[in-house]
Each structure stands twice: as C-alpha cells, then as structure tokens.
Amino acid sequence: MGDDEIIATWTERLLREAPDLPPERARRFVYELYFTAQRALDKKGWEADFEREE
C-alpha cells in the first residue's frame, strides 16, 4: 500500500468519525500527521544508527 492509499484510507476513517469536517481539510490533516510521524520514525532510526556506529 502506497502513501496515497494510506492517506486516502485514513482520511475516509476520519471523515466517518467527523462527517462535518470538510474533506480537503481532513485530507490535509491526515497528510501532515502521516508525514510528520514518518519523519519522526526516520529520525529515531538515524539516531539509533548513529549510536551503533559510535
């Protein structure tokens, strides 16, 4: 499942829970949350790699 599919799936889930939320706003929220979480996981991995190399 690619990023677009993941974002679409979670946007649909969010809209089911908050049907009054405009779809574009829901998609933007999911997009920002997804990529912020991805960067955090990447940073954690880079830090772990750095610690192992020292």
PDB file of N, CA and C in Angstrom:
ATOM      1  N   MET A   1       0.848  -1.169   0.000  1.00  0.00           N
ATOM      2  CA  MET A   1       0.000   0.000   0.000  1.00  0.00           C
ATOM      3  C   MET A   1       0.899   1.240   0.000  1.00  0.00           C
ATOM      4  N   GLY A   2       0.680   2.120  -0.952  1.00  0.00           N
ATOM      5  CA  GLY A   2       1.490   3.325  -1.067  1.00  0.00           C
ATOM      6  C   GLY A   2       0.982   4.444  -0.167  1.00  0.00           C
ATOM      7  N   ASP A   3       1.763   5.508  -0.113  1.00  0.00           N
ATOM      8  CA  ASP A   3       1.410   6.655   0.726  1.00  0.00           C
ATOM      9  C   ASP A   3       0.025   7.198   0.393  1.00  0.00           C
ATOM     10  N   ASP A   4      -0.282   7.349  -0.895  1.00  0.00           N
ATOM     11  CA  ASP A   4      -1.585   7.902  -1.293  1.00  0.00           C
ATOM     12  C   ASP A   4      -2.738   7.027  -0.812  1.00  0.00           C
ATOM     13  N   GLU A   5      -2.555   5.718  -0.898  1.00  0.00           N
ATOM     14  CA  GLU A   5      -3.608   4.803  -0.443  1.00  0.00           C
ATOM     15  C   GLU A   5      -3.786   4.873   1.070  1.00  0.00           C
ATOM     16  N   ILE A   6      -2.682   4.967   1.784  1.00  0.00           N
ATOM     17  CA  ILE A   6      -2.745   5.063   3.243  1.00  0.00           C
ATOM     18  C   ILE A   6      -3.451   6.353   3.647  1.00  0.00           C
ATOM     19  N   ILE A   7      -3.078   7.450   3.013  1.00  0.00           N
ATOM     20  CA  ILE A   7      -3.696   8.736   3.328  1.00  0.00           C
ATOM     21  C   ILE A   7      -5.185   8.702   3.002  1.00  0.00           C
ATOM     22  N   ALA A   8      -5.558   8.126   1.872  1.00  0.00           N
ATOM     23  CA  ALA A   8      -6.976   8.035   1.493  1.00  0.00           C
ATOM     24  C   ALA A   8      -7.760   7.194   2.501  1.00  0.00           C
ATOM     25  N   THR A   9      -7.189   6.074   2.912  1.00  0.00           N
ATOM     26  CA  THR A   9      -7.857   5.199   3.873  1.00  0.00           C
ATOM     27  C   THR A   9      -8.095   5.915   5.192  1.00  0.00           C
ATOM     28  N   TRP A  10      -7.059   6.572   5.704  1.00  0.00           N
ATOM     29  CA  TRP A  10      -7.201   7.260   6.984  1.00  0.00           C
ATOM     30  C   TRP A  10      -8.074   8.502   6.874  1.00  0.00           C
ATOM     31  N   THR A  11      -8.070   9.152   5.723  1.00  0.00           N
ATOM     32  CA  THR A  11      -8.971  10.292   5.523  1.00  0.00           C
ATOM     33  C   THR A  11     -10.420   9.819   5.576  1.00  0.00           C
ATOM     34  N   GLU A  12     -10.707   8.708   4.931  1.00  0.00           N
ATOM     35  CA  GLU A  12     -12.060   8.149   4.969  1.00  0.00           C
ATOM     36  C   GLU A  12     -12.470   7.812   6.395  1.00  0.00           C
ATOM     37  N   ARG A  13     -11.558   7.235   7.154  1.00  0.00           N
ATOM     38  CA  ARG A  13     -11.871   6.889   8.548  1.00  0.00           C
ATOM     39  C   ARG A  13     -12.136   8.140   9.374  1.00  0.00           C
ATOM     40  N   LEU A  14     -11.332   9.170   9.171  1.00  0.00           N
ATOM     41  CA  LEU A  14     -11.523  10.424   9.893  1.00  0.00           C
ATOM     42  C   LEU A  14     -12.875  11.046   9.544  1.00  0.00           C
ATOM     43  N   LEU A  15     -13.212  11.027   8.260  1.00  0.00           N
ATOM     44  CA  LEU A  15     -14.488  11.621   7.834  1.00  0.00           C
ATOM     45  C   LEU A  15     -15.695  10.848   8.373  1.00  0.00           C
ATOM     46  N   ARG A  16     -15.538   9.542   8.589  1.00  0.00           N
ATOM     47  CA  ARG A  16     -16.628   8.775   9.205  1.00  0.00           C
ATOM     48  C   ARG A  16     -16.833   9.211  10.651  1.00  0.00           C
ATOM     49  N   GLU A  17     -15.748   9.553  11.336  1.00  0.00           N
ATOM     50  CA  GLU A  17     -15.835   9.983  12.735  1.00  0.00           C
ATOM     51  C   GLU A  17     -16.218  11.450  12.876  1.00  0.00           C
ATOM     52  N   ALA A  18     -15.887  12.254  11.860  1.00  0.00           N
ATOM     53  CA  ALA A  18     -16.165  13.690  11.878  1.00  0.00           C
ATOM     54  C   ALA A  18     -16.777  14.095  10.543  1.00  0.00           C
ATOM     55  N   PRO A  19     -18.022  13.702  10.297  1.00  0.00           N
ATOM     56  CA  PRO A  19     -18.622  13.921   8.991  1.00  0.00           C
ATOM     57  C   PRO A  19     -18.788  15.398   8.614  1.00  0.00           C
ATOM     58  N   ASP A  20     -18.775  16.298   9.582  1.00  0.00           N
ATOM     59  CA  ASP A  20     -18.910  17.724   9.275  1.00  0.00           C
ATOM     60  C   ASP A  20     -17.592  18.354   8.839  1.00  0.00           C
ATOM     61  N   LEU A  21     -16.505  17.632   8.982  1.00  0.00           N
ATOM     62  CA  LEU A  21     -15.192  18.138   8.584  1.00  0.00           C
ATOM     63  C   LEU A  21     -15.104  18.169   7.056  1.00  0.00           C
ATOM     64  N   PRO A  22     -14.696  19.300   6.486  1.00  0.00           N
ATOM     65  CA  PRO A  22     -14.551  19.341   5.024  1.00  0.00           C
ATOM     66  C   PRO A  22     -13.515  18.309   4.554  1.00  0.00           C
ATOM     67  N   PRO A  23     -13.808  17.567   3.490  1.00  0.00           N
ATOM     68  CA  PRO A  23     -12.893  16.505   3.027  1.00  0.00           C
ATOM     69  C   PRO A  23     -11.464  16.984   2.775  1.00  0.00           C
ATOM     70  N   GLU A  24     -11.296  18.155   2.186  1.00  0.00           N
ATOM     71  CA  GLU A  24      -9.936  18.637   1.915  1.00  0.00           C
ATOM     72  C   GLU A  24      -9.181  18.923   3.212  1.00  0.00           C
ATOM     73  N   ARG A  25      -9.874  19.443   4.198  1.00  0.00           N
ATOM     74  CA  ARG A  25      -9.240  19.707   5.497  1.00  0.00           C
ATOM     75  C   ARG A  25      -8.852  18.386   6.174  1.00  0.00           C
ATOM     76  N   ALA A  26      -9.719  17.391   6.080  1.00  0.00           N
ATOM     77  CA  ALA A  26      -9.421  16.073   6.651  1.00  0.00           C
ATOM     78  C   ALA A  26      -8.201  15.466   5.968  1.00  0.00           C
ATOM     79  N   ARG A  27      -8.163  15.569   4.637  1.00  0.00           N
ATOM     80  CA  ARG A  27      -7.031  15.005   3.890  1.00  0.00           C
ATOM     81  C   ARG A  27      -5.733  15.716   4.264  1.00  0.00           C
ATOM     82  N   ARG A  28      -5.788  17.029   4.370  1.00  0.00           N
ATOM     83  CA  ARG A  28      -4.585  17.789   4.722  1.00  0.00           C
ATOM     84  C   ARG A  28      -4.099  17.409   6.120  1.00  0.00           C
ATOM     85  N   PHE A  29      -5.031  17.234   7.065  1.00  0.00           N
ATOM     86  CA  PHE A  29      -4.669  16.831   8.419  1.00  0.00           C
ATOM     87  C   PHE A  29      -3.983  15.462   8.415  1.00  0.00           C
ATOM     88  N   VAL A  30      -4.589  14.502   7.725  1.00  0.00           N
ATOM     89  CA  VAL A  30      -4.027  13.151   7.664  1.00  0.00           C
ATOM     90  C   VAL A  30      -2.654  13.181   6.990  1.00  0.00           C
ATOM     91  N   TYR A  31      -2.539  13.930   5.906  1.00  0.00           N
ATOM     92  CA  TYR A  31      -1.270  14.057   5.182  1.00  0.00           C
ATOM     93  C   TYR A  31      -0.176  14.594   6.111  1.00  0.00           C
ATOM     94  N   GLU A  32      -0.466  15.691   6.798  1.00  0.00           N
ATOM     95  CA  GLU A  32       0.529  16.294   7.692  1.00  0.00           C
ATOM     96  C   GLU A  32       0.887  15.352   8.838  1.00  0.00           C
ATOM     97  N   LEU A  33      -0.106  14.710   9.408  1.00  0.00           N
ATOM     98  CA  LEU A  33       0.143  13.777  10.503  1.00  0.00           C
ATOM     99  C   LEU A  33       0.994  12.595  10.040  1.00  0.00           C
ATOM    100  N   TYR A  34       0.649  12.046   8.889  1.00  0.00           N
ATOM    101  CA  TYR A  34       1.363  10.885   8.357  1.00  0.00           C
ATOM    102  C   TYR A  34       2.836  11.203   8.099  1.00  0.00           C
ATOM    103  N   PHE A  35       3.087  12.318   7.403  1.00  0.00           N
ATOM    104  CA  PHE A  35       4.469  12.631   7.067  1.00  0.00           C
ATOM    105  C   PHE A  35       5.269  13.136   8.263  1.00  0.00           C
ATOM    106  N   THR A  36       4.616  13.771   9.229  1.00  0.00           N
ATOM    107  CA  THR A  36       5.307  14.159  10.457  1.00  0.00           C
ATOM    108  C   THR A  36       5.713  12.914  11.245  1.00  0.00           C
ATOM    109  N   ALA A  37       4.819  11.952  11.325  1.00  0.00           N
ATOM    110  CA  ALA A  37       5.133  10.694  12.015  1.00  0.00           C
ATOM    111  C   ALA A  37       6.252   9.947  11.295  1.00  0.00           C
ATOM    112  N   GLN A  38       6.200   9.954   9.958  1.00  0.00           N
ATOM    113  CA  GLN A  38       7.239   9.271   9.180  1.00  0.00           C
ATOM    114  C   GLN A  38       8.610   9.896   9.430  1.00  0.00           C
ATOM    115  N   ARG A  39       8.663  11.229   9.453  1.00  0.00           N
ATOM    116  CA  ARG A  39       9.939  11.909   9.730  1.00  0.00           C
ATOM    117  C   ARG A  39      10.445  11.585  11.131  1.00  0.00           C
ATOM    118  N   ALA A  40       9.531  11.517  12.099  1.00  0.00           N
ATOM    119  CA  ALA A  40       9.923  11.186  13.471  1.00  0.00           C
ATOM    120  C   ALA A  40      10.508   9.777  13.540  1.00  0.00           C
ATOM    121  N   LEU A  41       9.877   8.844  12.842  1.00  0.00           N
ATOM    122  CA  LEU A  41      10.402   7.471  12.818  1.00  0.00           C
ATOM    123  C   LEU A  41      11.757   7.411  12.123  1.00  0.00           C
ATOM    124  N   ASP A  42      11.898   8.144  11.024  1.00  0.00           N
ATOM    125  CA  ASP A  42      13.181   8.186  10.315  1.00  0.00           C
ATOM    126  C   ASP A  42      14.269   8.754  11.217  1.00  0.00           C
ATOM    127  N   LYS A  43      13.964   9.840  11.931  1.00  0.00           N
ATOM    128  CA  LYS A  43      14.938  10.463  12.828  1.00  0.00           C
ATOM    129  C   LYS A  43      15.355   9.486  13.924  1.00  0.00           C
ATOM    130  N   LYS A  44      14.389   8.779  14.464  1.00  0.00           N
ATOM    131  CA  LYS A  44      14.690   7.794  15.509  1.00  0.00           C
ATOM    132  C   LYS A  44      15.626   6.710  14.960  1.00  0.00           C
ATOM    133  N   GLY A  45      15.375   6.277  13.730  1.00  0.00           N
ATOM    134  CA  GLY A  45      16.231   5.272  13.100  1.00  0.00           C
ATOM    135  C   GLY A  45      17.634   5.800  12.858  1.00  0.00           C
ATOM    136  N   TRP A  46      17.729   7.060  12.397  1.00  0.00           N
ATOM    137  CA  TRP A  46      19.047   7.662  12.165  1.00  0.00           C
ATOM    138  C   TRP A  46      19.822   7.782  13.474  1.00  0.00           C
ATOM    139  N   GLU A  47      19.133   8.177  14.544  1.00  0.00           N
ATOM    140  CA  GLU A  47      19.796   8.294  15.839  1.00  0.00           C
ATOM    141  C   GLU A  47      20.276   6.935  16.332  1.00  0.00           C
ATOM    142  N   ALA A  48      19.478   5.891  16.127  1.00  0.00           N
ATOM    143  CA  ALA A  48      19.881   4.550  16.546  1.00  0.00           C
ATOM    144  C   ALA A  48      21.101   4.094  15.727  1.00  0.00           C
ATOM    145  N   ASP A  49      21.082   4.383  14.421  1.00  0.00           N
ATOM    146  CA  ASP A  49      22.232   4.030  13.589  1.00  0.00           C
ATOM    147  C   ASP A  49      23.482   4.767  14.055  1.00  0.00           C
ATOM    148  N   PHE A  50      23.337   6.025  14.385  1.00  0.00           N
ATOM    149  CA  PHE A  50      24.474   6.824  14.838  1.00  0.00           C
ATOM    150  C   PHE A  50      25.037   6.264  16.144  1.00  0.00           C
ATOM    151  N   GLU A  51      24.144   5.892  17.053  1.00  0.00           N
ATOM    152  CA  GLU A  51      24.586   5.325  18.340  1.00  0.00           C
ATOM    153  C   GLU A  51      25.348   4.018  18.132  1.00  0.00           C
ATOM    154  N   ARG A  52      24.895   3.190  17.195  1.00  0.00           N
ATOM    155  CA  ARG A  52      25.576   1.907  16.937  1.00  0.00           C
ATOM    156  C   ARG A  52      26.964   2.131  16.329  1.00  0.00           C
ATOM    157  N   GLU A  53      27.103   3.198  15.527  1.00  0.00           N
ATOM    158  CA  GLU A  53      28.369   3.450  14.874  1.00  0.00           C
ATOM    159  C   GLU A  53      29.418   4.017  15.815  1.00  0.00           C
ATOM    160  N   GLU A  54      28.980   4.618  16.914  1.00  0.00           N
ATOM    161  CA  GLU A  54      29.953   5.222  17.840  1.00  0.00           C
ATOM    162  C   GLU A  54      30.651   4.219  18.687  1.00  0.00           C
TER     163      GLU A  54
END
